[in-house]
């Protein structure tokens, strides 16, 4: 059984608008705060049921104010818009990094179809 890559560093820049994550397999990702905010794992923002995730508009200027560990499997990010209920597991962060271009494109399309702005 192969082990999943493990984070070796999480670094929030001074402006609070980018979180960098490095993994022990050499992969690194730099996440804009807006991207992490709109891709939250929070049931509140994802919709409590099955189906597509509702778009979260108006987060272009959001900042991360805190990165809090949750056990050994995740972090809870606190955003300056008051959102603090989303957990970002190591697996989720890997997925968000690896699939960033596709996920961001789909998010922008969803906003545009709904007539909403970032």
PDB file of N, CA and C in Angstrom:
ATOM      1  N   UNK A   1       0.836  -1.184   0.000  1.00  0.00           N
ATOM      2  CA  UNK A   1       0.000   0.000   0.000  1.00  0.00           C
ATOM      3  C   UNK A   1       0.883   1.250   0.000  1.00  0.00           C
ATOM      4  N   UNK A   2       0.675   2.126  -0.947  1.00  0.00           N
ATOM      5  CA  UNK A   2       1.447   3.357  -0.997  1.00  0.00           C
ATOM      6  C   UNK A   2       0.746   4.420  -0.165  1.00  0.00           C
ATOM      7  N   UNK A   3       1.553   5.229   0.475  1.00  0.00           N
ATOM      8  CA  UNK A   3       0.974   6.275   1.307  1.00  0.00           C
ATOM      9  C   UNK A   3       0.676   7.507   0.457  1.00  0.00           C
ATOM     10  N   UNK A   4      -0.313   8.261   0.904  1.00  0.00           N
ATOM     11  CA  UNK A   4      -0.671   9.496   0.224  1.00  0.00           C
ATOM     12  C   UNK A   4       0.404  10.542   0.504  1.00  0.00           C
ATOM     13  N   UNK A   5       0.637  11.440  -0.456  1.00  0.00           N
ATOM     14  CA  UNK A   5       1.592  12.528  -0.188  1.00  0.00           C
ATOM     15  C   UNK A   5       1.170  13.328   1.042  1.00  0.00           C
ATOM     16  N   UNK A   6       2.140  13.731   1.794  1.00  0.00           N
ATOM     17  CA  UNK A   6       1.916  14.436   3.054  1.00  0.00           C
ATOM     18  C   UNK A   6       2.414  15.872   2.924  1.00  0.00           C
ATOM     19  N   UNK A   7       1.682  16.851   3.448  1.00  0.00           N
ATOM     20  CA  UNK A   7       2.150  18.234   3.367  1.00  0.00           C
ATOM     21  C   UNK A   7       3.387  18.453   4.241  1.00  0.00           C
ATOM     22  N   UNK A   8       4.332  19.153   3.694  1.00  0.00           N
ATOM     23  CA  UNK A   8       5.535  19.470   4.448  1.00  0.00           C
ATOM     24  C   UNK A   8       5.595  20.949   4.833  1.00  0.00           C
ATOM     25  N   UNK A   9       4.786  21.764   4.142  1.00  0.00           N
ATOM     26  CA  UNK A   9       4.768  23.190   4.469  1.00  0.00           C
ATOM     27  C   UNK A   9       3.458  23.815   4.014  1.00  0.00           C
ATOM     28  N   UNK A  10       2.902  24.637   4.872  1.00  0.00           N
ATOM     29  CA  UNK A  10       1.779  25.513   4.535  1.00  0.00           C
ATOM     30  C   UNK A  10       2.245  26.920   4.871  1.00  0.00           C
ATOM     31  N   UNK A  11       2.130  27.805   3.900  1.00  0.00           N
ATOM     32  CA  UNK A  11       2.613  29.168   4.125  1.00  0.00           C
ATOM     33  C   UNK A  11       1.591  30.170   3.594  1.00  0.00           C
ATOM     34  N   UNK A  12       1.105  31.023   4.476  1.00  0.00           N
ATOM     35  CA  UNK A  12       0.204  32.097   4.102  1.00  0.00           C
ATOM     36  C   UNK A  12       1.036  33.352   3.887  1.00  0.00           C
ATOM     37  N   UNK A  13       0.890  33.994   2.730  1.00  0.00           N
ATOM     38  CA  UNK A  13       1.677  35.204   2.498  1.00  0.00           C
ATOM     39  C   UNK A  13       1.169  36.338   3.385  1.00  0.00           C
ATOM     40  N   UNK A  14       1.970  37.380   3.522  1.00  0.00           N
ATOM     41  CA  UNK A  14       1.647  38.473   4.447  1.00  0.00           C
ATOM     42  C   UNK A  14       0.350  39.184   4.088  1.00  0.00           C
ATOM     43  N   UNK A  15       0.031  39.256   2.811  1.00  0.00           N
ATOM     44  CA  UNK A  15      -1.194  39.926   2.380  1.00  0.00           C
ATOM     45  C   UNK A  15      -2.437  39.088   2.679  1.00  0.00           C
ATOM     46  N   UNK A  16      -2.252  37.790   2.932  1.00  0.00           N
ATOM     47  CA  UNK A  16      -3.374  36.904   3.212  1.00  0.00           C
ATOM     48  C   UNK A  16      -4.150  36.496   1.974  1.00  0.00           C
ATOM     49  N   UNK A  17      -3.580  36.783   0.806  1.00  0.00           N
ATOM     50  CA  UNK A  17      -4.311  36.457  -0.420  1.00  0.00           C
ATOM     51  C   UNK A  17      -3.774  35.230  -1.157  1.00  0.00           C
ATOM     52  N   UNK A  18      -2.816  34.527  -0.552  1.00  0.00           N
ATOM     53  CA  UNK A  18      -2.292  33.307  -1.174  1.00  0.00           C
ATOM     54  C   UNK A  18      -1.762  32.342  -0.121  1.00  0.00           C
ATOM     55  N   UNK A  19      -2.173  31.079  -0.261  1.00  0.00           N
ATOM     56  CA  UNK A  19      -1.691  30.007   0.596  1.00  0.00           C
ATOM     57  C   UNK A  19      -0.884  29.051  -0.267  1.00  0.00           C
ATOM     58  N   UNK A  20       0.345  28.794   0.129  1.00  0.00           N
ATOM     59  CA  UNK A  20       1.202  27.844  -0.586  1.00  0.00           C
ATOM     60  C   UNK A  20       1.283  26.560   0.221  1.00  0.00           C
ATOM     61  N   UNK A  21       1.211  25.437  -0.494  1.00  0.00           N
ATOM     62  CA  UNK A  21       1.270  24.126   0.140  1.00  0.00           C
ATOM     63  C   UNK A  21       2.298  23.290  -0.609  1.00  0.00           C
ATOM     64  N   UNK A  22       3.252  22.718   0.139  1.00  0.00           N
ATOM     65  CA  UNK A  22       4.254  21.815  -0.436  1.00  0.00           C
ATOM     66  C   UNK A  22       4.023  20.424   0.136  1.00  0.00           C
ATOM     67  N   UNK A  23       4.174  19.421  -0.729  1.00  0.00           N
ATOM     68  CA  UNK A  23       3.996  18.030  -0.331  1.00  0.00           C
ATOM     69  C   UNK A  23       5.326  17.288  -0.416  1.00  0.00           C
ATOM     70  N   UNK A  24       5.412  16.177   0.323  1.00  0.00           N
ATOM     71  CA  UNK A  24       6.669  15.428   0.395  1.00  0.00           C
ATOM     72  C   UNK A  24       7.050  14.714  -0.898  1.00  0.00           C
ATOM     73  N   UNK A  25       6.159  14.705  -1.888  1.00  0.00           N
ATOM     74  CA  UNK A  25       6.506  14.117  -3.185  1.00  0.00           C
ATOM     75  C   UNK A  25       7.013  15.160  -4.170  1.00  0.00           C
ATOM     76  N   UNK A  26       7.194  16.405  -3.688  1.00  0.00           N
ATOM     77  CA  UNK A  26       7.735  17.467  -4.521  1.00  0.00           C
ATOM     78  C   UNK A  26       6.684  18.371  -5.146  1.00  0.00           C
ATOM     79  N   UNK A  27       5.421  17.997  -5.078  1.00  0.00           N
ATOM     80  CA  UNK A  27       4.366  18.852  -5.628  1.00  0.00           C
ATOM     81  C   UNK A  27       4.172  20.063  -4.727  1.00  0.00           C
ATOM     82  N   UNK A  28       4.003  21.221  -5.348  1.00  0.00           N
ATOM     83  CA  UNK A  28       3.697  22.445  -4.613  1.00  0.00           C
ATOM     84  C   UNK A  28       2.573  23.169  -5.343  1.00  0.00           C
ATOM     85  N   UNK A  29       1.743  23.826  -4.572  1.00  0.00           N
ATOM     86  CA  UNK A  29       0.624  24.567  -5.130  1.00  0.00           C
ATOM     87  C   UNK A  29       0.532  25.908  -4.420  1.00  0.00           C
ATOM     88  N   UNK A  30       0.225  26.950  -5.192  1.00  0.00           N
ATOM     89  CA  UNK A  30      -0.025  28.273  -4.640  1.00  0.00           C
ATOM     90  C   UNK A  30      -1.486  28.593  -4.940  1.00  0.00           C
ATOM     91  N   UNK A  31      -2.276  28.734  -3.893  1.00  0.00           N
ATOM     92  CA  UNK A  31      -3.709  28.933  -4.031  1.00  0.00           C
ATOM     93  C   UNK A  31      -4.097  30.369  -3.711  1.00  0.00           C
ATOM     94  N   UNK A  32      -4.754  31.057  -4.640  1.00  0.00           N
ATOM     95  CA  UNK A  32      -5.320  32.349  -4.291  1.00  0.00           C
ATOM     96  C   UNK A  32      -6.421  32.158  -3.243  1.00  0.00           C
ATOM     97  N   UNK A  33      -6.538  33.091  -2.338  1.00  0.00           N
ATOM     98  CA  UNK A  33      -7.562  33.003  -1.290  1.00  0.00           C
ATOM     99  C   UNK A  33      -8.955  32.887  -1.894  1.00  0.00           C
ATOM    100  N   UNK A  34      -9.224  33.624  -2.945  1.00  0.00           N
ATOM    101  CA  UNK A  34     -10.538  33.564  -3.580  1.00  0.00           C
ATOM    102  C   UNK A  34     -10.856  32.146  -4.044  1.00  0.00           C
ATOM    103  N   UNK A  35      -9.890  31.485  -4.654  1.00  0.00           N
ATOM    104  CA  UNK A  35     -10.102  30.116  -5.140  1.00  0.00           C
ATOM    105  C   UNK A  35     -10.448  29.179  -3.991  1.00  0.00           C
ATOM    106  N   UNK A  36      -9.682  29.252  -2.903  1.00  0.00           N
ATOM    107  CA  UNK A  36      -9.963  28.386  -1.755  1.00  0.00           C
ATOM    108  C   UNK A  36     -11.323  28.711  -1.137  1.00  0.00           C
ATOM    109  N   UNK A  37     -11.662  29.984  -1.098  1.00  0.00           N
ATOM    110  CA  UNK A  37     -12.948  30.379  -0.505  1.00  0.00           C
ATOM    111  C   UNK A  37     -14.119  29.819  -1.300  1.00  0.00           C
ATOM    112  N   UNK A  38     -14.053  29.915  -2.631  1.00  0.00           N
ATOM    113  CA  UNK A  38     -15.189  29.458  -3.438  1.00  0.00           C
ATOM    114  C   UNK A  38     -15.197  27.946  -3.621  1.00  0.00           C
ATOM    115  N   UNK A  39     -14.080  27.284  -3.333  1.00  0.00           N
ATOM    116  CA  UNK A  39     -14.016  25.826  -3.411  1.00  0.00           C
ATOM    117  C   UNK A  39     -14.121  25.191  -2.021  1.00  0.00           C
ATOM    118  N   UNK A  40     -14.665  25.917  -1.075  1.00  0.00           N
ATOM    119  CA  UNK A  40     -14.777  25.463   0.302  1.00  0.00           C
ATOM    120  C   UNK A  40     -15.444  24.094   0.411  1.00  0.00           C
ATOM    121  N   UNK A  41     -15.026  23.357   1.401  1.00  0.00           N
ATOM    122  CA  UNK A  41     -15.651  22.077   1.693  1.00  0.00           C
ATOM    123  C   UNK A  41     -16.852  22.216   2.617  1.00  0.00           C
ATOM    124  N   UNK A  42     -17.206  23.426   2.972  1.00  0.00           N
ATOM    125  CA  UNK A  42     -18.299  23.682   3.902  1.00  0.00           C
ATOM    126  C   UNK A  42     -19.640  23.251   3.326  1.00  0.00           C
ATOM    127  N   UNK A  43     -20.387  22.469   4.092  1.00  0.00           N
ATOM    128  CA  UNK A  43     -21.730  22.067   3.661  1.00  0.00           C
ATOM    129  C   UNK A  43     -22.629  23.283   3.497  1.00  0.00           C
ATOM    130  N   UNK A  44     -22.416  24.296   4.318  1.00  0.00           N
ATOM    131  CA  UNK A  44     -23.213  25.516   4.245  1.00  0.00           C
ATOM    132  C   UNK A  44     -23.107  26.152   2.865  1.00  0.00           C
ATOM    133  N   UNK A  45     -21.891  26.230   2.321  1.00  0.00           N
ATOM    134  CA  UNK A  45     -21.682  26.873   1.033  1.00  0.00           C
ATOM    135  C   UNK A  45     -21.806  25.917  -0.147  1.00  0.00           C
ATOM    136  N   UNK A  46     -21.617  24.644   0.072  1.00  0.00           N
ATOM    137  CA  UNK A  46     -21.708  23.666  -1.023  1.00  0.00           C
ATOM    138  C   UNK A  46     -23.142  23.251  -1.283  1.00  0.00           C
ATOM    139  N   UNK A  47     -24.028  23.581  -0.367  1.00  0.00           N
ATOM    140  CA  UNK A  47     -25.393  23.074  -0.455  1.00  0.00           C
ATOM    141  C   UNK A  47     -25.419  21.802   0.382  1.00  0.00           C
ATOM    142  N   UNK A  48     -26.428  21.605   1.142  1.00  0.00           N
ATOM    143  CA  UNK A  48     -26.462  20.485   2.077  1.00  0.00           C
ATOM    144  C   UNK A  48     -26.862  19.168   1.429  1.00  0.00           C
ATOM    145  N   UNK A  49     -27.273  19.198   0.183  1.00  0.00           N
ATOM    146  CA  UNK A  49     -27.702  17.971  -0.472  1.00  0.00           C
ATOM    147  C   UNK A  49     -26.803  17.622  -1.638  1.00  0.00           C
ATOM    148  N   UNK A  50     -27.268  16.659  -2.412  1.00  0.00           N
ATOM    149  CA  UNK A  50     -26.531  16.255  -3.604  1.00  0.00           C
ATOM    150  C   UNK A  50     -26.775  17.283  -4.702  1.00  0.00           C
ATOM    151  N   UNK A  51     -26.034  17.163  -5.770  1.00  0.00           N
ATOM    152  CA  UNK A  51     -26.210  18.059  -6.897  1.00  0.00           C
ATOM    153  C   UNK A  51     -25.053  19.017  -7.008  1.00  0.00           C
ATOM    154  N   UNK A  52     -25.128  19.883  -7.993  1.00  0.00           N
ATOM    155  CA  UNK A  52     -24.014  20.800  -8.233  1.00  0.00           C
ATOM    156  C   UNK A  52     -23.864  21.819  -7.105  1.00  0.00           C
ATOM    157  N   UNK A  53     -22.645  22.232  -6.916  1.00  0.00           N
ATOM    158  CA  UNK A  53     -22.309  23.239  -5.907  1.00  0.00           C
ATOM    159  C   UNK A  53     -22.866  24.584  -6.355  1.00  0.00           C
ATOM    160  N   UNK A  54     -23.589  25.292  -5.481  1.00  0.00           N
ATOM    161  CA  UNK A  54     -24.058  26.626  -5.865  1.00  0.00           C
ATOM    162  C   UNK A  54     -22.875  27.589  -5.947  1.00  0.00           C
ATOM    163  N   UNK A  55     -22.921  28.545  -6.876  1.00  0.00           N
ATOM    164  CA  UNK A  55     -21.806  29.491  -6.995  1.00  0.00           C
ATOM    165  C   UNK A  55     -21.751  30.431  -5.790  1.00  0.00           C
ATOM    166  N   UNK A  56     -20.551  30.830  -5.437  1.00  0.00           N
ATOM    167  CA  UNK A  56     -20.335  31.765  -4.337  1.00  0.00           C
ATOM    168  C   UNK A  56     -19.754  33.041  -4.956  1.00  0.00           C
ATOM    169  N   UNK A  57     -20.588  34.042  -5.214  1.00  0.00           N
ATOM    170  CA  UNK A  57     -20.110  35.252  -5.877  1.00  0.00           C
ATOM    171  C   UNK A  57     -19.471  36.251  -4.910  1.00  0.00           C
ATOM    172  N   UNK A  58     -18.819  37.264  -5.479  1.00  0.00           N
ATOM    173  CA  UNK A  58     -18.343  38.401  -4.714  1.00  0.00           C
ATOM    174  C   UNK A  58     -17.158  38.153  -3.803  1.00  0.00           C
ATOM    175  N   UNK A  59     -16.289  37.219  -4.148  1.00  0.00           N
ATOM    176  CA  UNK A  59     -15.177  36.878  -3.260  1.00  0.00           C
ATOM    177  C   UNK A  59     -13.813  37.250  -3.842  1.00  0.00           C
ATOM    178  N   UNK A  60     -13.781  38.096  -4.867  1.00  0.00           N
ATOM    179  CA  UNK A  60     -12.520  38.433  -5.537  1.00  0.00           C
ATOM    180  C   UNK A  60     -11.482  39.034  -4.587  1.00  0.00           C
ATOM    181  N   UNK A  61     -11.906  39.793  -3.606  1.00  0.00           N
ATOM    182  CA  UNK A  61     -10.956  40.441  -2.709  1.00  0.00           C
ATOM    183  C   UNK A  61     -10.792  39.775  -1.357  1.00  0.00           C
ATOM    184  N   UNK A  62     -11.338  38.573  -1.197  1.00  0.00           N
ATOM    185  CA  UNK A  62     -11.301  37.911   0.109  1.00  0.00           C
ATOM    186  C   UNK A  62      -9.867  37.569   0.516  1.00  0.00           C
ATOM    187  N   UNK A  63      -9.620  37.587   1.809  1.00  0.00           N
ATOM    188  CA  UNK A  63      -8.302  37.256   2.364  1.00  0.00           C
ATOM    189  C   UNK A  63      -8.451  36.140   3.398  1.00  0.00           C
ATOM    190  N   UNK A  64      -7.379  35.401   3.592  1.00  0.00           N
ATOM    191  CA  UNK A  64      -7.310  34.391   4.641  1.00  0.00           C
ATOM    192  C   UNK A  64      -6.687  35.069   5.858  1.00  0.00           C
ATOM    193  N   UNK A  65      -7.356  34.958   7.007  1.00  0.00           N
ATOM    194  CA  UNK A  65      -6.837  35.589   8.215  1.00  0.00           C
ATOM    195  C   UNK A  65      -6.197  34.594   9.173  1.00  0.00           C
ATOM    196  N   UNK A  66      -6.510  33.294   9.018  1.00  0.00           N
ATOM    197  CA  UNK A  66      -5.922  32.278   9.897  1.00  0.00           C
ATOM    198  C   UNK A  66      -5.952  30.918   9.211  1.00  0.00           C
ATOM    199  N   UNK A  67      -4.952  30.118   9.548  1.00  0.00           N
ATOM    200  CA  UNK A  67      -4.858  28.725   9.100  1.00  0.00           C
ATOM    201  C   UNK A  67      -4.726  27.888  10.365  1.00  0.00           C
ATOM    202  N   UNK A  68      -5.778  27.125  10.688  1.00  0.00           N
ATOM    203  CA  UNK A  68      -5.812  26.370  11.933  1.00  0.00           C
ATOM    204  C   UNK A  68      -5.784  24.866  11.653  1.00  0.00           C
ATOM    205  N   UNK A  69      -4.847  24.144  12.271  1.00  0.00           N
ATOM    206  CA  UNK A  69      -4.809  22.695  12.067  1.00  0.00           C
ATOM    207  C   UNK A  69      -6.031  22.016  12.662  1.00  0.00           C
ATOM    208  N   UNK A  70      -6.471  20.951  12.001  1.00  0.00           N
ATOM    209  CA  UNK A  70      -7.562  20.106  12.494  1.00  0.00           C
ATOM    210  C   UNK A  70      -7.004  18.688  12.522  1.00  0.00           C
ATOM    211  N   UNK A  71      -6.623  18.263  13.689  1.00  0.00           N
ATOM    212  CA  UNK A  71      -5.986  16.952  13.811  1.00  0.00           C
ATOM    213  C   UNK A  71      -4.751  16.885  12.929  1.00  0.00           C
ATOM    214  N   UNK A  72      -4.562  15.719  12.319  1.00  0.00           N
ATOM    215  CA  UNK A  72      -3.419  15.537  11.412  1.00  0.00           C
ATOM    216  C   UNK A  72      -3.867  15.395   9.966  1.00  0.00           C
ATOM    217  N   UNK A  73      -5.126  15.752   9.689  1.00  0.00           N
ATOM    218  CA  UNK A  73      -5.652  15.475   8.362  1.00  0.00           C
ATOM    219  C   UNK A  73      -6.119  16.694   7.582  1.00  0.00           C
ATOM    220  N   UNK A  74      -6.207  17.861   8.222  1.00  0.00           N
ATOM    221  CA  UNK A  74      -6.807  19.004   7.528  1.00  0.00           C
ATOM    222  C   UNK A  74      -6.420  20.318   8.196  1.00  0.00           C
ATOM    223  N   UNK A  75      -6.822  21.402   7.531  1.00  0.00           N
ATOM    224  CA  UNK A  75      -6.749  22.741   8.110  1.00  0.00           C
ATOM    225  C   UNK A  75      -8.115  23.403   7.943  1.00  0.00           C
ATOM    226  N   UNK A  76      -8.400  24.279   8.880  1.00  0.00           N
ATOM    227  CA  UNK A  76      -9.591  25.123   8.786  1.00  0.00           C
ATOM    228  C   UNK A  76      -9.081  26.514   8.443  1.00  0.00           C
ATOM    229  N   UNK A  77      -9.560  27.033   7.335  1.00  0.00           N
ATOM    230  CA  UNK A  77      -9.161  28.374   6.926  1.00  0.00           C
ATOM    231  C   UNK A  77     -10.216  29.366   7.392  1.00  0.00           C
ATOM    232  N   UNK A  78      -9.759  30.477   7.920  1.00  0.00           N
ATOM    233  CA  UNK A  78     -10.638  31.554   8.346  1.00  0.00           C
ATOM    234  C   UNK A  78     -10.444  32.696   7.350  1.00  0.00           C
ATOM    235  N   UNK A  79     -11.562  33.158   6.792  1.00  0.00           N
ATOM    236  CA  UNK A  79     -11.534  34.211   5.786  1.00  0.00           C
ATOM    237  C   UNK A  79     -12.073  35.508   6.368  1.00  0.00           C
ATOM    238  N   UNK A  80     -11.644  36.633   5.796  1.00  0.00           N
ATOM    239  CA  UNK A  80     -12.054  37.921   6.352  1.00  0.00           C
ATOM    240  C   UNK A  80     -13.520  38.269   6.073  1.00  0.00           C
ATOM    241  N   UNK A  81     -14.224  37.431   5.323  1.00  0.00           N
ATOM    242  CA  UNK A  81     -15.663  37.643   5.133  1.00  0.00           C
ATOM    243  C   UNK A  81     -16.474  36.921   6.213  1.00  0.00           C
ATOM    244  N   UNK A  82     -15.777  36.336   7.210  1.00  0.00           N
ATOM    245  CA  UNK A  82     -16.428  35.661   8.313  1.00  0.00           C
ATOM    246  C   UNK A  82     -16.566  34.160   8.132  1.00  0.00           C
ATOM    247  N   UNK A  83     -16.270  33.651   6.943  1.00  0.00           N
ATOM    248  CA  UNK A  83     -16.398  32.210   6.695  1.00  0.00           C
ATOM    249  C   UNK A  83     -15.265  31.468   7.412  1.00  0.00           C
ATOM    250  N   UNK A  84     -15.657  30.463   8.222  1.00  0.00           N
ATOM    251  CA  UNK A  84     -14.638  29.699   8.951  1.00  0.00           C
ATOM    252  C   UNK A  84     -15.060  28.248   9.171  1.00  0.00           C
ATOM    253  N   UNK A  85     -16.000  27.747   8.366  1.00  0.00           N
ATOM    254  CA  UNK A  85     -16.505  26.394   8.593  1.00  0.00           C
ATOM    255  C   UNK A  85     -16.002  25.353   7.595  1.00  0.00           C
ATOM    256  N   UNK A  86     -15.217  25.770   6.624  1.00  0.00           N
ATOM    257  CA  UNK A  86     -14.726  24.810   5.644  1.00  0.00           C
ATOM    258  C   UNK A  86     -13.442  24.138   6.098  1.00  0.00           C
ATOM    259  N   UNK A  87     -13.426  22.808   6.000  1.00  0.00           N
ATOM    260  CA  UNK A  87     -12.202  22.054   6.281  1.00  0.00           C
ATOM    261  C   UNK A  87     -11.541  21.699   4.962  1.00  0.00           C
ATOM    262  N   UNK A  88     -10.244  21.828   4.917  1.00  0.00           N
ATOM    263  CA  UNK A  88      -9.464  21.517   3.725  1.00  0.00           C
ATOM    264  C   UNK A  88      -8.510  20.387   4.090  1.00  0.00           C
ATOM    265  N   UNK A  89      -8.916  19.169   3.756  1.00  0.00           N
ATOM    266  CA  UNK A  89      -8.059  18.016   4.033  1.00  0.00           C
ATOM    267  C   UNK A  89      -6.861  18.049   3.094  1.00  0.00           C
ATOM    268  N   UNK A  90      -5.850  17.273   3.428  1.00  0.00           N
ATOM    269  CA  UNK A  90      -4.669  17.208   2.555  1.00  0.00           C
ATOM    270  C   UNK A  90      -5.071  16.689   1.183  1.00  0.00           C
ATOM    271  N   UNK A  91      -5.972  15.690   1.151  1.00  0.00           N
ATOM    272  CA  UNK A  91      -6.441  15.153  -0.130  1.00  0.00           C
ATOM    273  C   UNK A  91      -7.191  16.211  -0.935  1.00  0.00           C
ATOM    274  N   UNK A  92      -8.023  17.004  -0.256  1.00  0.00           N
ATOM    275  CA  UNK A  92      -8.752  18.060  -0.959  1.00  0.00           C
ATOM    276  C   UNK A  92      -7.786  19.099  -1.517  1.00  0.00           C
ATOM    277  N   UNK A  93      -6.791  19.491  -0.731  1.00  0.00           N
ATOM    278  CA  UNK A  93      -5.818  20.471  -1.228  1.00  0.00           C
ATOM    279  C   UNK A  93      -5.066  19.935  -2.443  1.00  0.00           C
ATOM    280  N   UNK A  94      -4.709  18.637  -2.409  1.00  0.00           N
ATOM    281  CA  UNK A  94      -4.059  18.025  -3.584  1.00  0.00           C
ATOM    282  C   UNK A  94      -4.971  18.093  -4.797  1.00  0.00           C
ATOM    283  N   UNK A  95      -6.238  17.725  -4.592  1.00  0.00           N
ATOM    284  CA  UNK A  95      -7.200  17.743  -5.695  1.00  0.00           C
ATOM    285  C   UNK A  95      -7.395  19.160  -6.226  1.00  0.00           C
ATOM    286  N   UNK A  96      -7.550  20.125  -5.327  1.00  0.00           N
ATOM    287  CA  UNK A  96      -7.731  21.514  -5.754  1.00  0.00           C
ATOM    288  C   UNK A  96      -6.519  22.031  -6.516  1.00  0.00           C
ATOM    289  N   UNK A  97      -5.332  21.570  -6.137  1.00  0.00           N
ATOM    290  CA  UNK A  97      -4.131  21.973  -6.864  1.00  0.00           C
ATOM    291  C   UNK A  97      -4.036  21.312  -8.222  1.00  0.00           C
ATOM    292  N   UNK A  98      -4.240  20.016  -8.260  1.00  0.00           N
ATOM    293  CA  UNK A  98      -4.104  19.267  -9.508  1.00  0.00           C
ATOM    294  C   UNK A  98      -5.187  19.626 -10.522  1.00  0.00           C
ATOM    295  N   UNK A  99      -6.367  19.983 -10.037  1.00  0.00           N
ATOM    296  CA  UNK A  99      -7.513  20.257 -10.919  1.00  0.00           C
ATOM    297  C   UNK A  99      -7.846  21.748 -11.002  1.00  0.00           C
ATOM    298  N   UNK A 100      -6.925  22.598 -10.590  1.00  0.00           N
ATOM    299  CA  UNK A 100      -7.216  24.026 -10.475  1.00  0.00           C
ATOM    300  C   UNK A 100      -7.729  24.654 -11.764  1.00  0.00           C
ATOM    301  N   UNK A 101      -7.069  24.419 -12.885  1.00  0.00           N
ATOM    302  CA  UNK A 101      -7.489  25.064 -14.127  1.00  0.00           C
ATOM    303  C   UNK A 101      -8.922  24.683 -14.493  1.00  0.00           C
ATOM    304  N   UNK A 102      -9.239  23.400 -14.402  1.00  0.00           N
ATOM    305  CA  UNK A 102     -10.579  22.935 -14.755  1.00  0.00           C
ATOM    306  C   UNK A 102     -11.623  23.468 -13.776  1.00  0.00           C
ATOM    307  N   UNK A 103     -11.327  23.359 -12.492  1.00  0.00           N
ATOM    308  CA  UNK A 103     -12.290  23.804 -11.482  1.00  0.00           C
ATOM    309  C   UNK A 103     -12.551  25.303 -11.569  1.00  0.00           C
ATOM    310  N   UNK A 104     -11.491  26.074 -11.794  1.00  0.00           N
ATOM    311  CA  UNK A 104     -11.651  27.527 -11.892  1.00  0.00           C
ATOM    312  C   UNK A 104     -12.471  27.882 -13.126  1.00  0.00           C
ATOM    313  N   UNK A 105     -12.194  27.252 -14.247  1.00  0.00           N
ATOM    314  CA  UNK A 105     -12.950  27.491 -15.482  1.00  0.00           C
ATOM    315  C   UNK A 105     -14.425  27.192 -15.258  1.00  0.00           C
ATOM    316  N   UNK A 106     -14.730  26.053 -14.646  1.00  0.00           N
ATOM    317  CA  UNK A 106     -16.119  25.680 -14.381  1.00  0.00           C
ATOM    318  C   UNK A 106     -16.788  26.674 -13.437  1.00  0.00           C
ATOM    319  N   UNK A 107     -16.049  27.153 -12.440  1.00  0.00           N
ATOM    320  CA  UNK A 107     -16.588  28.130 -11.493  1.00  0.00           C
ATOM    321  C   UNK A 107     -16.952  29.436 -12.211  1.00  0.00           C
ATOM    322  N   UNK A 108     -16.042  29.922 -13.047  1.00  0.00           N
ATOM    323  CA  UNK A 108     -16.288  31.172 -13.788  1.00  0.00           C
ATOM    324  C   UNK A 108     -17.487  30.997 -14.716  1.00  0.00           C
ATOM    325  N   UNK A 109     -17.582  29.867 -15.381  1.00  0.00           N
ATOM    326  CA  UNK A 109     -18.728  29.604 -16.254  1.00  0.00           C
ATOM    327  C   UNK A 109     -20.031  29.604 -15.457  1.00  0.00           C
ATOM    328  N   UNK A 110     -20.027  28.992 -14.292  1.00  0.00           N
ATOM    329  CA  UNK A 110     -21.221  28.926 -13.447  1.00  0.00           C
ATOM    330  C   UNK A 110     -21.649  30.324 -13.016  1.00  0.00           C
ATOM    331  N   UNK A 111     -20.671  31.158 -12.635  1.00  0.00           N
ATOM    332  CA  UNK A 111     -20.983  32.536 -12.263  1.00  0.00           C
ATOM    333  C   UNK A 111     -21.613  33.280 -13.422  1.00  0.00           C
ATOM    334  N   UNK A 112     -20.992  33.158 -14.602  1.00  0.00           N
ATOM    335  CA  UNK A 112     -21.494  33.883 -15.775  1.00  0.00           C
ATOM    336  C   UNK A 112     -22.903  33.439 -16.133  1.00  0.00           C
ATOM    337  N   UNK A 113     -23.165  32.149 -16.096  1.00  0.00           N
ATOM    338  CA  UNK A 113     -24.507  31.647 -16.420  1.00  0.00           C
ATOM    339  C   UNK A 113     -25.541  32.164 -15.433  1.00  0.00           C
ATOM    340  N   UNK A 114     -25.146  32.367 -14.194  1.00  0.00           N
ATOM    341  CA  UNK A 114     -26.065  32.867 -13.178  1.00  0.00           C
ATOM    342  C   UNK A 114     -26.130  34.392 -13.142  1.00  0.00           C
ATOM    343  N   UNK A 115     -25.318  35.066 -13.972  1.00  0.00           N
ATOM    344  CA  UNK A 115     -25.304  36.525 -13.992  1.00  0.00           C
ATOM    345  C   UNK A 115     -24.660  37.127 -12.769  1.00  0.00           C
ATOM    346  N   UNK A 116     -23.710  36.390 -12.179  1.00  0.00           N
ATOM    347  CA  UNK A 116     -23.045  36.839 -10.952  1.00  0.00           C
ATOM    348  C   UNK A 116     -21.617  37.255 -11.245  1.00  0.00           C
ATOM    349  N   UNK A 117     -21.020  38.027 -10.340  1.00  0.00           N
ATOM    350  CA  UNK A 117     -19.651  38.510 -10.517  1.00  0.00           C
ATOM    351  C   UNK A 117     -18.758  37.954  -9.404  1.00  0.00           C
ATOM    352  N   UNK A 118     -17.487  37.852  -9.741  1.00  0.00           N
ATOM    353  CA  UNK A 118     -16.496  37.395  -8.764  1.00  0.00           C
ATOM    354  C   UNK A 118     -16.436  38.363  -7.618  1.00  0.00           C
TER     355      UNK A 118
END
